[in-house]
Amino acid sequence: MNAKTYSRKLRNDYLSKVVNQLIDIRLSKGVTLEELNYRLGVSDYLVAKWESGHKSPSTFMLYCWAKALSAEIVIVANDNQPFLN
């Protein structure tokens, strides 16, 4: 696997994990897609496209998404993972 392919895989894995956690939070709080679109000030169905993987939110929109759900995104060091060179 070349560096570009590996980088794309890491990005997709990261986005998938974050988006899945945001979906779980949204559902646990009983927030509808329509309500979340409204809170974020985005067009209809955009959050659904993010949640289904048809579109990818920017880092800033991930931050806004979390804030709209009264959550935050935290990066935690994983000491079990080797450093990449």
Protein backbone atom coordinates (compact mmCIF):
# COMPACT_ATOMS: atom_id res chain seq x y z
CA MET A 1 0.00 0.00 0.00
CA ASN A 2 1.51 3.33 -1.01
CA ALA A 3 1.55 6.40 1.24
CA LYS A 4 -1.37 8.12 -0.51
CA THR A 5 -3.60 5.05 -0.27
CA TYR A 6 -2.64 4.52 3.38
CA SER A 7 -3.37 8.17 4.18
CA ARG A 8 -6.79 7.94 2.52
CA LYS A 9 -7.58 4.77 4.50
CA LEU A 10 -6.61 6.45 7.79
CA ARG A 11 -8.79 9.45 6.94
CA ASN A 12 -11.78 7.27 6.08
CA ASP A 13 -11.34 5.15 9.22
CA TYR A 14 -11.13 8.29 11.38
CA LEU A 15 -14.19 9.87 9.78
CA SER A 16 -16.17 6.66 10.09
CA LYS A 17 -15.42 6.37 13.82
CA VAL A 18 -16.25 10.00 14.55
CA VAL A 19 -19.42 10.01 12.44
CA ASN A 20 -20.65 6.77 14.03
CA GLN A 21 -20.17 8.26 17.49
CA LEU A 22 -22.03 11.43 16.47
CA ILE A 23 -24.88 9.32 15.10
CA ASP A 24 -25.08 7.43 18.41
CA ILE A 25 -25.16 10.71 20.35
CA ARG A 26 -27.82 12.19 18.06
CA LEU A 27 -30.03 9.14 18.43
CA SER A 28 -29.56 8.89 22.20
CA LYS A 29 -30.64 12.53 22.54
CA GLY A 30 -33.64 12.05 20.26
CA VAL A 31 -32.48 14.71 17.79
CA THR A 32 -33.92 14.27 14.30
CA LEU A 33 -31.95 14.83 11.12
CA GLU A 34 -34.18 17.80 10.33
CA GLU A 35 -33.47 19.36 13.73
CA LEU A 36 -29.73 18.84 13.36
CA ASN A 37 -29.74 20.36 9.85
CA TYR A 38 -31.53 23.37 11.35
CA ARG A 39 -29.11 23.68 14.28
CA LEU A 40 -26.16 23.56 11.91
CA GLY A 41 -27.73 25.92 9.39
CA VAL A 42 -27.10 23.52 6.53
CA SER A 43 -29.28 22.42 3.63
CA ASP A 44 -31.86 19.68 4.00
CA TYR A 45 -30.44 16.16 3.89
CA LEU A 46 -26.78 17.22 4.33
CA VAL A 47 -26.40 15.48 7.69
CA ALA A 48 -28.05 12.37 6.22
CA LYS A 49 -25.43 12.41 3.45
CA TRP A 50 -22.67 12.67 6.06
CA GLU A 51 -24.18 9.88 8.14
CA SER A 52 -24.53 7.59 5.11
CA GLY A 53 -20.99 8.32 3.89
CA HIS A 54 -22.13 9.91 0.62
CA LYS A 55 -20.42 13.16 1.61
CA SER A 56 -17.66 13.95 4.08
CA PRO A 57 -17.94 16.83 6.54
CA SER A 58 -15.01 19.19 6.95
CA THR A 59 -13.13 19.20 10.24
CA PHE A 60 -14.88 22.44 11.16
CA MET A 61 -18.30 20.93 10.41
CA LEU A 62 -17.45 17.91 12.59
CA TYR A 63 -16.72 20.39 15.38
CA CYS A 64 -20.02 22.22 14.76
CA TRP A 65 -21.90 18.91 14.59
CA ALA A 66 -20.55 17.89 17.98
CA LYS A 67 -21.33 21.30 19.49
CA ALA A 68 -24.89 21.15 18.11
CA LEU A 69 -25.31 17.94 20.12
CA SER A 70 -23.67 19.40 23.25
CA ALA A 71 -20.69 17.10 22.73
CA GLU A 72 -17.06 17.57 21.85
CA ILE A 73 -14.47 15.72 19.83
CA VAL A 74 -11.44 14.69 21.88
CA ILE A 75 -8.22 13.23 20.55
CA VAL A 76 -6.61 10.76 22.93
CA ALA A 77 -3.12 9.34 22.56
CA ASN A 78 -3.11 5.61 21.94
CA ASP A 79 0.14 4.30 23.39
CA ASN A 80 -0.47 0.87 21.87
CA GLN A 81 -0.11 2.17 18.32
CA PRO A 82 3.36 2.40 16.76
CA PHE A 83 4.53 5.77 15.51
CA LEU A 84 4.56 6.19 11.75
CA ASN A 85 7.84 7.14 10.12
